[in-house]
Amino acid sequence: MKKDIHPKYHEINVVMTDGSTFKTRSTWGKEGDTLKLEIDSKSHPAWTGGKAGLNESEGQVARFQKRFKGLKINK
Protein backbone atom coordinates (compact mmCIF):
# COMPACT_ATOMS: atom_id res chain seq x y z
CA MET A 1 0.00 0.00 0.00
CA LYS A 2 1.06 3.57 -0.61
CA LYS A 3 1.85 5.57 2.51
CA ASP A 4 -0.15 8.64 3.62
CA ILE A 5 -3.03 8.21 1.16
CA HIS A 6 -5.45 6.29 3.40
CA PRO A 7 -7.67 7.96 6.04
CA LYS A 8 -6.89 7.38 9.71
CA TYR A 9 -8.81 4.43 11.18
CA HIS A 10 -9.56 4.79 14.89
CA GLU A 11 -12.08 4.03 17.66
CA ILE A 12 -15.17 6.27 18.15
CA ASN A 13 -18.28 6.15 20.35
CA VAL A 14 -21.74 5.87 18.75
CA VAL A 15 -24.92 6.99 20.56
CA MET A 16 -28.15 5.41 19.28
CA THR A 17 -31.52 7.23 19.31
CA ASP A 18 -32.58 5.43 22.50
CA GLY A 19 -29.42 6.57 24.32
CA SER A 20 -27.53 3.29 24.21
CA THR A 21 -23.88 3.53 23.20
CA PHE A 22 -21.23 1.32 21.66
CA LYS A 23 -17.68 1.64 20.40
CA THR A 24 -16.64 0.96 16.84
CA ARG A 25 -13.77 1.69 14.51
CA SER A 26 -14.23 4.32 11.81
CA THR A 27 -12.56 6.91 9.61
CA TRP A 28 -15.11 9.52 10.83
CA GLY A 29 -13.92 12.23 13.24
CA LYS A 30 -10.98 11.82 15.57
CA GLU A 31 -10.00 9.19 18.13
CA GLY A 32 -12.60 9.16 20.94
CA ASP A 33 -15.17 11.42 19.19
CA THR A 34 -18.88 10.71 19.74
CA LEU A 35 -21.24 10.22 16.80
CA LYS A 36 -24.87 10.85 17.82
CA LEU A 37 -27.34 9.22 15.43
CA GLU A 38 -30.65 10.89 14.52
CA ILE A 39 -31.95 7.81 12.68
CA ASP A 40 -30.94 4.22 13.31
CA SER A 41 -32.28 0.68 13.07
CA LYS A 42 -34.26 1.15 16.31
CA SER A 43 -36.24 4.15 15.01
CA HIS A 44 -36.37 3.90 11.19
CA PRO A 45 -39.55 2.39 9.72
CA ALA A 46 -37.57 0.29 7.25
CA TRP A 47 -36.43 -1.83 10.22
CA THR A 48 -39.32 -1.33 12.65
CA GLY A 49 -42.20 -1.77 10.19
CA GLY A 50 -44.02 1.24 11.65
CA LYS A 51 -44.36 4.91 10.91
CA ALA A 52 -41.39 7.21 11.29
CA GLY A 53 -41.33 9.91 13.92
CA LEU A 54 -39.78 12.27 11.41
CA ASN A 55 -41.16 15.66 10.47
CA GLU A 56 -42.28 15.34 6.86
CA SER A 57 -43.74 18.86 6.62
CA GLU A 58 -41.14 19.91 4.08
CA GLY A 59 -41.12 16.76 1.97
CA GLN A 60 -42.02 16.73 -1.71
CA VAL A 61 -45.47 15.23 -1.13
CA ALA A 62 -46.29 17.78 1.59
CA ARG A 63 -45.20 20.65 -0.66
CA PHE A 64 -47.31 19.28 -3.52
CA GLN A 65 -50.37 18.89 -1.31
CA LYS A 66 -49.93 22.39 0.13
CA ARG A 67 -49.56 23.91 -3.33
CA PHE A 68 -52.56 22.14 -4.90
CA LYS A 69 -54.86 21.68 -1.88
CA GLY A 70 -57.75 23.67 -3.44
CA LEU A 71 -57.58 22.00 -6.85
CA LYS A 72 -60.58 19.79 -7.67
CA ILE A 73 -60.27 17.26 -10.49
CA ASN A 74 -63.47 15.80 -11.98
CA LYS A 75 -63.25 12.28 -13.36
PDB file of N, CA and C in Angstrom:
ATOM      1  N   MET A   1       0.832  -1.188   0.000  1.00  0.00           N
ATOM      2  CA  MET A   1       0.000   0.000   0.000  1.00  0.00           C
ATOM      3  C   MET A   1       0.873   1.246   0.000  1.00  0.00           C
ATOM      4  N   LYS A   2       0.358   2.298  -0.630  1.00  0.00           N
ATOM      5  CA  LYS A   2       1.065   3.569  -0.609  1.00  0.00           C
ATOM      6  C   LYS A   2       0.905   4.204   0.759  1.00  0.00           C
ATOM      7  N   LYS A   3       1.904   4.907   1.207  1.00  0.00           N
ATOM      8  CA  LYS A   3       1.851   5.573   2.511  1.00  0.00           C
ATOM      9  C   LYS A   3       1.161   6.920   2.387  1.00  0.00           C
ATOM     10  N   ASP A   4       0.480   7.321   3.466  1.00  0.00           N
ATOM     11  CA  ASP A   4      -0.148   8.643   3.622  1.00  0.00           C
ATOM     12  C   ASP A   4      -1.258   8.945   2.626  1.00  0.00           C
ATOM     13  N   ILE A   5      -1.896   7.930   2.030  1.00  0.00           N
ATOM     14  CA  ILE A   5      -3.032   8.214   1.158  1.00  0.00           C
ATOM     15  C   ILE A   5      -4.341   7.682   1.747  1.00  0.00           C
ATOM     16  N   HIS A   6      -4.265   6.887   2.793  1.00  0.00           N
ATOM     17  CA  HIS A   6      -5.447   6.293   3.397  1.00  0.00           C
ATOM     18  C   HIS A   6      -5.884   7.099   4.620  1.00  0.00           C
ATOM     19  N   PRO A   7      -7.201   7.222   4.851  1.00  0.00           N
ATOM     20  CA  PRO A   7      -7.670   7.961   6.037  1.00  0.00           C
ATOM     21  C   PRO A   7      -7.302   7.224   7.323  1.00  0.00           C
ATOM     22  N   LYS A   8      -7.198   7.967   8.399  1.00  0.00           N
ATOM     23  CA  LYS A   8      -6.886   7.378   9.710  1.00  0.00           C
ATOM     24  C   LYS A   8      -8.075   6.543  10.185  1.00  0.00           C
ATOM     25  N   TYR A   9      -7.807   5.368  10.694  1.00  0.00           N
ATOM     26  CA  TYR A   9      -8.813   4.428  11.175  1.00  0.00           C
ATOM     27  C   TYR A   9      -8.640   4.320  12.681  1.00  0.00           C
ATOM     28  N   HIS A  10      -9.693   4.702  13.442  1.00  0.00           N
ATOM     29  CA  HIS A  10      -9.565   4.794  14.892  1.00  0.00           C
ATOM     30  C   HIS A  10     -10.893   4.446  15.568  1.00  0.00           C
ATOM     31  N   GLU A  11     -10.893   4.399  16.896  1.00  0.00           N
ATOM     32  CA  GLU A  11     -12.081   4.033  17.658  1.00  0.00           C
ATOM     33  C   GLU A  11     -12.902   5.272  18.000  1.00  0.00           C
ATOM     34  N   ILE A  12     -14.251   5.185  17.791  1.00  0.00           N
ATOM     35  CA  ILE A  12     -15.171   6.268  18.153  1.00  0.00           C
ATOM     36  C   ILE A  12     -16.314   5.677  18.967  1.00  0.00           C
ATOM     37  N   ASN A  13     -17.083   6.546  19.613  1.00  0.00           N
ATOM     38  CA  ASN A  13     -18.283   6.151  20.354  1.00  0.00           C
ATOM     39  C   ASN A  13     -19.505   6.519  19.520  1.00  0.00           C
ATOM     40  N   VAL A  14     -20.495   5.627  19.484  1.00  0.00           N
ATOM     41  CA  VAL A  14     -21.735   5.870  18.752  1.00  0.00           C
ATOM     42  C   VAL A  14     -22.885   5.854  19.747  1.00  0.00           C
ATOM     43  N   VAL A  15     -23.749   6.898  19.691  1.00  0.00           N
ATOM     44  CA  VAL A  15     -24.917   6.987  20.558  1.00  0.00           C
ATOM     45  C   VAL A  15     -26.155   6.775  19.698  1.00  0.00           C
ATOM     46  N   MET A  16     -26.927   5.725  20.017  1.00  0.00           N
ATOM     47  CA  MET A  16     -28.148   5.406  19.281  1.00  0.00           C
ATOM     48  C   MET A  16     -29.265   6.361  19.698  1.00  0.00           C
ATOM     49  N   THR A  17     -30.412   6.328  18.998  1.00  0.00           N
ATOM     50  CA  THR A  17     -31.523   7.228  19.305  1.00  0.00           C
ATOM     51  C   THR A  17     -32.144   6.954  20.674  1.00  0.00           C
ATOM     52  N   ASP A  18     -32.022   5.740  21.175  1.00  0.00           N
ATOM     53  CA  ASP A  18     -32.580   5.426  22.498  1.00  0.00           C
ATOM     54  C   ASP A  18     -31.592   5.708  23.629  1.00  0.00           C
ATOM     55  N   GLY A  19     -30.407   6.230  23.300  1.00  0.00           N
ATOM     56  CA  GLY A  19     -29.420   6.573  24.318  1.00  0.00           C
ATOM     57  C   GLY A  19     -28.353   5.516  24.557  1.00  0.00           C
ATOM     58  N   SER A  20     -28.548   4.318  24.032  1.00  0.00           N
ATOM     59  CA  SER A  20     -27.531   3.286  24.212  1.00  0.00           C
ATOM     60  C   SER A  20     -26.285   3.655  23.404  1.00  0.00           C
ATOM     61  N   THR A  21     -25.136   3.187  23.868  1.00  0.00           N
ATOM     62  CA  THR A  21     -23.876   3.528  23.203  1.00  0.00           C
ATOM     63  C   THR A  21     -23.068   2.270  22.905  1.00  0.00           C
ATOM     64  N   PHE A  22     -22.197   2.383  21.940  1.00  0.00           N
ATOM     65  CA  PHE A  22     -21.235   1.318  21.663  1.00  0.00           C
ATOM     66  C   PHE A  22     -20.007   1.927  21.006  1.00  0.00           C
ATOM     67  N   LYS A  23     -18.919   1.196  21.016  1.00  0.00           N
ATOM     68  CA  LYS A  23     -17.676   1.642  20.397  1.00  0.00           C
ATOM     69  C   LYS A  23     -17.481   0.881  19.103  1.00  0.00           C
ATOM     70  N   THR A  24     -16.946   1.584  18.121  1.00  0.00           N
ATOM     71  CA  THR A  24     -16.644   0.962  16.840  1.00  0.00           C
ATOM     72  C   THR A  24     -15.427   1.645  16.248  1.00  0.00           C
ATOM     73  N   ARG A  25     -14.906   1.078  15.185  1.00  0.00           N
ATOM     74  CA  ARG A  25     -13.765   1.695  14.507  1.00  0.00           C
ATOM     75  C   ARG A  25     -14.268   2.340  13.234  1.00  0.00           C
ATOM     76  N   SER A  26     -13.744   3.541  12.929  1.00  0.00           N
ATOM     77  CA  SER A  26     -14.235   4.319  11.805  1.00  0.00           C
ATOM     78  C   SER A  26     -13.174   5.290  11.310  1.00  0.00           C
ATOM     79  N   THR A  27     -13.400   5.837  10.122  1.00  0.00           N
ATOM     80  CA  THR A  27     -12.557   6.914   9.614  1.00  0.00           C
ATOM     81  C   THR A  27     -13.188   8.274   9.923  1.00  0.00           C
ATOM     82  N   TRP A  28     -14.404   8.288  10.496  1.00  0.00           N
ATOM     83  CA  TRP A  28     -15.115   9.516  10.835  1.00  0.00           C
ATOM     84  C   TRP A  28     -14.496  10.179  12.061  1.00  0.00           C
ATOM     85  N   GLY A  29     -14.375  11.483  12.066  1.00  0.00           N
ATOM     86  CA  GLY A  29     -13.920  12.228  13.236  1.00  0.00           C
ATOM     87  C   GLY A  29     -12.501  11.906  13.660  1.00  0.00           C
ATOM     88  N   LYS A  30     -12.290  12.101  14.977  1.00  0.00           N
ATOM     89  CA  LYS A  30     -10.980  11.822  15.570  1.00  0.00           C
ATOM     90  C   LYS A  30     -11.121  10.734  16.625  1.00  0.00           C
ATOM     91  N   GLU A  31     -10.024  10.226  17.089  1.00  0.00           N
ATOM     92  CA  GLU A  31     -10.001   9.194  18.127  1.00  0.00           C
ATOM     93  C   GLU A  31     -10.820   9.659  19.331  1.00  0.00           C
ATOM     94  N   GLY A  32     -11.801   8.858  19.758  1.00  0.00           N
ATOM     95  CA  GLY A  32     -12.596   9.156  20.941  1.00  0.00           C
ATOM     96  C   GLY A  32     -13.789  10.070  20.701  1.00  0.00           C
ATOM     97  N   ASP A  33     -14.004  10.571  19.479  1.00  0.00           N
ATOM     98  CA  ASP A  33     -15.168  11.416  19.186  1.00  0.00           C
ATOM     99  C   ASP A  33     -16.454  10.620  19.370  1.00  0.00           C
ATOM    100  N   THR A  34     -17.585  11.346  19.574  1.00  0.00           N
ATOM    101  CA  THR A  34     -18.881  10.715  19.738  1.00  0.00           C
ATOM    102  C   THR A  34     -19.772  11.072  18.565  1.00  0.00           C
ATOM    103  N   LEU A  35     -20.313  10.050  17.905  1.00  0.00           N
ATOM    104  CA  LEU A  35     -21.241  10.216  16.797  1.00  0.00           C
ATOM    105  C   LEU A  35     -22.639   9.965  17.322  1.00  0.00           C
ATOM    106  N   LYS A  36     -23.503  10.992  17.331  1.00  0.00           N
ATOM    107  CA  LYS A  36     -24.873  10.850  17.820  1.00  0.00           C
ATOM    108  C   LYS A  36     -25.799  10.675  16.623  1.00  0.00           C
ATOM    109  N   LEU A  37     -26.471   9.538  16.560  1.00  0.00           N
ATOM    110  CA  LEU A  37     -27.341   9.217  15.433  1.00  0.00           C
ATOM    111  C   LEU A  37     -28.719   9.840  15.609  1.00  0.00           C
ATOM    112  N   GLU A  38     -29.283  10.376  14.516  1.00  0.00           N
ATOM    113  CA  GLU A  38     -30.647  10.891  14.519  1.00  0.00           C
ATOM    114  C   GLU A  38     -31.617   9.817  14.050  1.00  0.00           C
ATOM    115  N   ILE A  39     -31.140   8.925  13.198  1.00  0.00           N
ATOM    116  CA  ILE A  39     -31.947   7.814  12.682  1.00  0.00           C
ATOM    117  C   ILE A  39     -31.088   6.561  12.749  1.00  0.00           C
ATOM    118  N   ASP A  40     -31.657   5.485  13.265  1.00  0.00           N
ATOM    119  CA  ASP A  40     -30.936   4.220  13.307  1.00  0.00           C
ATOM    120  C   ASP A  40     -31.919   3.067  13.161  1.00  0.00           C
ATOM    121  N   SER A  41     -31.434   1.860  13.271  1.00  0.00           N
ATOM    122  CA  SER A  41     -32.276   0.682  13.070  1.00  0.00           C
ATOM    123  C   SER A  41     -33.353   0.528  14.138  1.00  0.00           C
ATOM    124  N   LYS A  42     -33.242   1.228  15.262  1.00  0.00           N
ATOM    125  CA  LYS A  42     -34.258   1.148  16.306  1.00  0.00           C
ATOM    126  C   LYS A  42     -35.404   2.127  16.079  1.00  0.00           C
ATOM    127  N   SER A  43     -35.200   3.137  15.213  1.00  0.00           N
ATOM    128  CA  SER A  43     -36.238   4.146  15.015  1.00  0.00           C
ATOM    129  C   SER A  43     -36.716   4.275  13.570  1.00  0.00           C
ATOM    130  N   HIS A  44     -36.002   3.735  12.599  1.00  0.00           N
ATOM    131  CA  HIS A  44     -36.365   3.900  11.194  1.00  0.00           C
ATOM    132  C   HIS A  44     -37.424   2.878  10.787  1.00  0.00           C
ATOM    133  N   PRO A  45     -38.471   3.315  10.083  1.00  0.00           N
ATOM    134  CA  PRO A  45     -39.555   2.389   9.722  1.00  0.00           C
ATOM    135  C   PRO A  45     -39.131   1.251   8.801  1.00  0.00           C
ATOM    136  N   ALA A  46     -38.036   1.390   8.098  1.00  0.00           N
ATOM    137  CA  ALA A  46     -37.569   0.294   7.248  1.00  0.00           C
ATOM    138  C   ALA A  46     -37.219  -0.928   8.089  1.00  0.00           C
ATOM    139  N   TRP A  47     -36.787  -0.727   9.326  1.00  0.00           N
ATOM    140  CA  TRP A  47     -36.433  -1.830  10.223  1.00  0.00           C
ATOM    141  C   TRP A  47     -37.525  -2.129  11.227  1.00  0.00           C
ATOM    142  N   THR A  48     -38.314  -1.122  11.619  1.00  0.00           N
ATOM    143  CA  THR A  48     -39.322  -1.331  12.653  1.00  0.00           C
ATOM    144  C   THR A  48     -40.666  -1.738  12.088  1.00  0.00           C
ATOM    145  N   GLY A  49     -40.923  -1.426  10.805  1.00  0.00           N
ATOM    146  CA  GLY A  49     -42.198  -1.769  10.190  1.00  0.00           C
ATOM    147  C   GLY A  49     -43.311  -0.807  10.543  1.00  0.00           C
ATOM    148  N   GLY A  50     -43.005   0.258  11.252  1.00  0.00           N
ATOM    149  CA  GLY A  50     -44.016   1.235  11.646  1.00  0.00           C
ATOM    150  C   GLY A  50     -43.809   2.556  10.956  1.00  0.00           C
ATOM    151  N   LYS A  51     -44.501   3.562  11.464  1.00  0.00           N
ATOM    152  CA  LYS A  51     -44.357   4.909  10.907  1.00  0.00           C
ATOM    153  C   LYS A  51     -43.176   5.603  11.553  1.00  0.00           C
ATOM    154  N   ALA A  52     -42.545   6.464  10.788  1.00  0.00           N
ATOM    155  CA  ALA A  52     -41.388   7.213  11.290  1.00  0.00           C
ATOM    156  C   ALA A  52     -41.860   8.365  12.149  1.00  0.00           C
ATOM    157  N   GLY A  53     -41.049   8.746  13.100  1.00  0.00           N
ATOM    158  CA  GLY A  53     -41.328   9.909  13.921  1.00  0.00           C
ATOM    159  C   GLY A  53     -40.674  11.149  13.349  1.00  0.00           C
ATOM    160  N   LEU A  54     -40.456  11.155  12.046  1.00  0.00           N
ATOM    161  CA  LEU A  54     -39.780  12.270  11.410  1.00  0.00           C
ATOM    162  C   LEU A  54     -40.780  13.336  10.998  1.00  0.00           C
ATOM    163  N   ASN A  55     -40.322  14.567  10.917  1.00  0.00           N
ATOM    164  CA  ASN A  55     -41.157  15.660  10.471  1.00  0.00           C
ATOM    165  C   ASN A  55     -41.122  15.712   8.953  1.00  0.00           C
ATOM    166  N   GLU A  56     -42.222  15.373   8.318  1.00  0.00           N
ATOM    167  CA  GLU A  56     -42.282  15.336   6.861  1.00  0.00           C
ATOM    168  C   GLU A  56     -42.939  16.586   6.302  1.00  0.00           C
ATOM    169  N   SER A  57     -43.033  17.657   7.066  1.00  0.00           N
ATOM    170  CA  SER A  57     -43.744  18.857   6.622  1.00  0.00           C
ATOM    171  C   SER A  57     -43.081  19.529   5.438  1.00  0.00           C
ATOM    172  N   GLU A  58     -41.825  19.287   5.201  1.00  0.00           N
ATOM    173  CA  GLU A  58     -41.137  19.913   4.082  1.00  0.00           C
ATOM    174  C   GLU A  58     -40.759  18.907   3.000  1.00  0.00           C
ATOM    175  N   GLY A  59     -41.397  17.750   3.002  1.00  0.00           N
ATOM    176  CA  GLY A  59     -41.116  16.762   1.972  1.00  0.00           C
ATOM    177  C   GLY A  59     -41.793  17.133   0.661  1.00  0.00           C
ATOM    178  N   GLN A  60     -41.466  16.431  -0.396  1.00  0.00           N
ATOM    179  CA  GLN A  60     -42.024  16.733  -1.712  1.00  0.00           C
ATOM    180  C   GLN A  60     -43.532  16.542  -1.749  1.00  0.00           C
ATOM    181  N   VAL A  61     -44.030  15.479  -1.125  1.00  0.00           N
ATOM    182  CA  VAL A  61     -45.474  15.229  -1.127  1.00  0.00           C
ATOM    183  C   VAL A  61     -46.194  16.324  -0.355  1.00  0.00           C
ATOM    184  N   ALA A  62     -45.667  16.721   0.791  1.00  0.00           N
ATOM    185  CA  ALA A  62     -46.290  17.778   1.592  1.00  0.00           C
ATOM    186  C   ALA A  62     -46.313  19.099   0.831  1.00  0.00           C
ATOM    187  N   ARG A  63     -45.229  19.417   0.132  1.00  0.00           N
ATOM    188  CA  ARG A  63     -45.203  20.652  -0.657  1.00  0.00           C
ATOM    189  C   ARG A  63     -46.220  20.597  -1.795  1.00  0.00           C
ATOM    190  N   PHE A  64     -46.337  19.440  -2.441  1.00  0.00           N
ATOM    191  CA  PHE A  64     -47.311  19.277  -3.520  1.00  0.00           C
ATOM    192  C   PHE A  64     -48.723  19.460  -2.988  1.00  0.00           C
ATOM    193  N   GLN A  65     -49.034  18.802  -1.876  1.00  0.00           N
ATOM    194  CA  GLN A  65     -50.375  18.894  -1.307  1.00  0.00           C
ATOM    195  C   GLN A  65     -50.691  20.321  -0.855  1.00  0.00           C
ATOM    196  N   LYS A  66     -49.725  21.008  -0.298  1.00  0.00           N
ATOM    197  CA  LYS A  66     -49.926  22.393   0.132  1.00  0.00           C
ATOM    198  C   LYS A  66     -50.178  23.292  -1.071  1.00  0.00           C
ATOM    199  N   ARG A  67     -49.449  23.074  -2.141  1.00  0.00           N
ATOM    200  CA  ARG A  67     -49.557  23.908  -3.331  1.00  0.00           C
ATOM    201  C   ARG A  67     -50.885  23.702  -4.065  1.00  0.00           C
ATOM    202  N   PHE A  68     -51.365  22.458  -4.118  1.00  0.00           N
ATOM    203  CA  PHE A  68     -52.559  22.145  -4.896  1.00  0.00           C
ATOM    204  C   PHE A  68     -53.739  21.714  -4.026  1.00  0.00           C
ATOM    205  N   LYS A  69     -53.815  22.154  -2.781  1.00  0.00           N
ATOM    206  CA  LYS A  69     -54.862  21.685  -1.877  1.00  0.00           C
ATOM    207  C   LYS A  69     -56.266  22.103  -2.313  1.00  0.00           C
ATOM    208  N   GLY A  70     -56.428  23.222  -3.016  1.00  0.00           N
ATOM    209  CA  GLY A  70     -57.752  23.675  -3.437  1.00  0.00           C
ATOM    210  C   GLY A  70     -58.167  23.190  -4.812  1.00  0.00           C
ATOM    211  N   LEU A  71     -57.315  22.458  -5.492  1.00  0.00           N
ATOM    212  CA  LEU A  71     -57.579  22.000  -6.847  1.00  0.00           C
ATOM    213  C   LEU A  71     -58.522  20.804  -6.829  1.00  0.00           C
ATOM    214  N   LYS A  72     -59.614  20.907  -7.579  1.00  0.00           N
ATOM    215  CA  LYS A  72     -60.580  19.791  -7.674  1.00  0.00           C
ATOM    216  C   LYS A  72     -60.484  19.215  -9.081  1.00  0.00           C
ATOM    217  N   ILE A  73     -60.339  17.920  -9.185  1.00  0.00           N
ATOM    218  CA  ILE A  73     -60.274  17.258 -10.490  1.00  0.00           C
ATOM    219  C   ILE A  73     -61.499  16.374 -10.635  1.00  0.00           C
ATOM    220  N   ASN A  74     -62.275  16.603 -11.704  1.00  0.00           N
ATOM    221  CA  ASN A  74     -63.472  15.795 -11.979  1.00  0.00           C
ATOM    222  C   ASN A  74     -63.088  14.639 -12.882  1.00  0.00           C
ATOM    223  N   LYS A  75     -63.541  13.449 -12.525  1.00  0.00           N
ATOM    224  CA  LYS A  75     -63.250  12.276 -13.355  1.00  0.00           C
ATOM    225  C   LYS A  75     -64.489  11.829 -14.073  1.00  0.00           C
TER     226      LYS A  75
END
